[in-house]
C-alpha atoms as a PDB file:
ATOM      1  CA  MET A   1     110.734 134.314  46.990  1.00  0.00           C
ATOM      2  CA  VAL A   2     113.132 136.502  48.959  1.00  0.00           C
ATOM      3  CA  GLN A   3     110.327 138.916  49.800  1.00  0.00           C
ATOM      4  CA  TYR A   4     108.147 136.039  50.913  1.00  0.00           C
ATOM      5  CA  PHE A   5     110.863 134.773  53.266  1.00  0.00           C
ATOM      6  CA  PHE A   6     111.537 138.160  54.812  1.00  0.00           C
ATOM      7  CA  GLY A   7     107.833 138.949  54.928  1.00  0.00           C
ATOM      8  CA  THR A   8     107.059 135.864  57.021  1.00  0.00           C
ATOM      9  CA  TRP A   9     110.135 136.492  59.156  1.00  0.00           C
ATOM     10  CA  ARG A  10     108.835 139.929  60.047  1.00  0.00           C
ATOM     11  CA  LYS A  11     105.472 138.489  61.021  1.00  0.00           C
ATOM     12  CA  GLN A  12     107.149 135.947  63.290  1.00  0.00           C
ATOM     13  CA  LYS A  13     109.387 138.529  64.898  1.00  0.00           C
ATOM     14  CA  MET A  14     108.230 139.281  68.434  1.00  0.00           C
ATOM     15  CA  SER A  15     107.674 142.721  69.785  1.00  0.00           C
ATOM     16  CA  LYS A  16     109.747 143.998  72.691  1.00  0.00           C
ATOM     17  CA  ALA A  17     106.791 143.611  75.050  1.00  0.00           C
ATOM     18  CA  GLU A  18     106.385 139.928  74.142  1.00  0.00           C
ATOM     19  CA  MET A  19     110.097 139.269  74.610  1.00  0.00           C
ATOM     20  CA  THR A  20     110.041 141.054  77.951  1.00  0.00           C
ATOM     21  CA  MET A  21     107.035 139.039  79.105  1.00  0.00           C
ATOM     22  CA  GLN A  22     108.688 135.773  78.059  1.00  0.00           C
ATOM     23  CA  THR A  23     111.863 136.807  79.848  1.00  0.00           C
ATOM     24  CA  ILE A  24     109.963 137.579  83.049  1.00  0.00           C
ATOM     25  CA  VAL A  25     108.090 134.260  82.919  1.00  0.00           C
ATOM     26  CA  GLY A  26     111.361 132.411  82.320  1.00  0.00           C
ATOM     27  CA  ILE A  27     113.074 134.132  85.234  1.00  0.00           C
ATOM     28  CA  VAL A  28     110.134 133.399  87.549  1.00  0.00           C
ATOM     29  CA  LEU A  29     110.219 129.711  86.589  1.00  0.00           C
ATOM     30  CA  VAL A  30     113.962 129.516  87.217  1.00  0.00           C
ATOM     31  CA  ILE A  31     113.549 131.178  90.629  1.00  0.00           C
ATOM     32  CA  ILE A  32     110.775 128.741  91.594  1.00  0.00           C
ATOM     33  CA  ILE A  33     112.924 125.764  90.577  1.00  0.00           C
ATOM     34  CA  LEU A  34     115.908 127.105  92.532  1.00  0.00           C
ATOM     35  CA  VAL A  35     113.794 127.676  95.662  1.00  0.00           C
ATOM     36  CA  VAL A  36     112.434 124.118  95.495  1.00  0.00           C
ATOM     37  CA  LEU A  37     115.944 122.705  95.091  1.00  0.00           C
ATOM     38  CA  VAL A  38     117.260 124.749  98.022  1.00  0.00           C
ATOM     39  CA  LEU A  39     114.400 123.554 100.244  1.00  0.00           C
ATOM     40  CA  ILE A  40     115.022 119.918  99.325  1.00  0.00           C
ATOM     41  CA  LEU A  41     118.763 120.205  99.948  1.00  0.00           C
ATOM     42  CA  ALA A  42     118.257 122.086 103.225  1.00  0.00           C
ATOM     43  CA  LYS A  43     115.967 119.337 104.492  1.00  0.00           C
ATOM     44  CA  ARG A  44     118.523 116.655 103.614  1.00  0.00           C
ATOM     45  CA  VAL A  45     121.337 118.565 105.306  1.00  0.00           C
ATOM     46  CA  ASP A  46     119.182 118.969 108.417  1.00  0.00           C
ATOM     47  CA  MET A  47     118.473 115.220 108.445  1.00  0.00           C
ATOM     48  CA  PHE A  48     122.214 114.555 108.176  1.00  0.00           C
ATOM     49  CA  LYS A  49     123.025 116.960 111.023  1.00  0.00           C
ATOM     50  CA  THR A  50     120.413 115.321 113.259  1.00  0.00           C
ATOM     51  CA  GLY A  51     121.845 111.861 112.624  1.00  0.00           C
ATOM     52  CA  ALA A  52     125.429 113.044 112.931  1.00  0.00           C
ATOM     53  CA  ASN A  53     124.832 114.592 116.375  1.00  0.00           C
ATOM     54  CA  ASP A  54     122.872 111.657 117.791  1.00  0.00           C
ATOM     55  CA  CYS A  55     124.454 110.054 120.871  1.00  0.00           C
ATOM     56  CA  VAL A  56     123.388 106.485 120.126  1.00  0.00           C
ATOM     57  CA  SER A  57     124.767 106.633 116.572  1.00  0.00           C
ATOM     58  CA  LYS A  58     128.204 107.314 118.093  1.00  0.00           C
ATOM     59  CA  GLY A  59     128.115 104.114 120.140  1.00  0.00           C
ATOM     60  CA  ALA A  60     127.380 105.840 123.449  1.00  0.00           C
ATOM     61  CA  ASN A  61     124.360 105.769 125.775  1.00  0.00           C
ATOM     62  CA  CYS A  62     122.091 108.454 127.154  1.00  0.00           C
ATOM     63  CA  VAL A  63     122.104 108.378 130.965  1.00  0.00           C
ATOM     64  CA  ALA A  64     120.770 110.675 133.674  1.00  0.00           C
ATOM     65  CA  GLN A  65     123.016 113.538 134.690  1.00  0.00           C
ATOM     66  CA  GLY A  66     125.434 112.522 137.438  1.00  0.00           C
ATOM     67  CA  GLU A  67     125.297 108.810 136.542  1.00  0.00           C
ATOM     68  CA  CYS A  68     127.987 108.880 133.858  1.00  0.00           C
ATOM     69  CA  THR A  69     131.023 106.882 135.006  1.00  0.00           C
ATOM     70  CA  GLY A  70     132.843 107.162 131.698  1.00  0.00           C
ATOM     71  CA  LYS A  71     133.585 110.033 129.377  1.00  0.00           C
ATOM     72  CA  GLN A  72     130.848 112.593 128.779  1.00  0.00           C
ATOM     73  CA  LEU A  73     130.293 113.352 125.107  1.00  0.00           C
ATOM     74  CA  PHE A  74     128.530 116.433 123.843  1.00  0.00           C
ATOM     75  CA  TYR A  75     126.087 114.787 121.458  1.00  0.00           C
ATOM     76  CA  THR A  76     122.316 115.104 121.646  1.00  0.00           C
ATOM     77  CA  CYS A  77     120.032 112.789 123.582  1.00  0.00           C
ATOM     78  CA  LYS A  78     116.323 112.512 122.868  1.00  0.00           C
ATOM     79  CA  LEU A  79     115.229 112.533 126.511  1.00  0.00           C
ATOM     80  CA  GLU A  80     115.508 115.778 128.421  1.00  0.00           C
ATOM     81  CA  GLY A  81     117.727 115.663 131.514  1.00  0.00           C
ATOM     82  CA  THR A  82     120.032 113.015 130.078  1.00  0.00           C
ATOM     83  CA  ILE A  83     123.585 113.316 128.846  1.00  0.00           C
ATOM     84  CA  CYS A  84     125.610 111.350 126.344  1.00  0.00           C
ATOM     85  CA  CYS A  85     128.032 109.020 128.097  1.00  0.00           C
ATOM     86  CA  LEU A  86     130.672 106.732 126.610  1.00  0.00           C
ATOM     87  CA  GLU A  87     131.354 103.921 129.082  1.00  0.00           C
END
């Protein structure tokens, strides 16, 4: 019985080439998963930055340059040639 156990264990034992191939496949899968996660998180951070720098979300208005009678804020406006103004 002992020989039978060790005999089947030897047959199930993988060669170094098989272990290396499995290791490479595992590493490639982990890298792919990490890249996908980084892309998803980068997109969410970019969406947050866009919303955080928006003039209207800060309670101000976008007006033409030279027409701001209040305090000029340095947030982004969607229309070109306008500035963020808190009146």
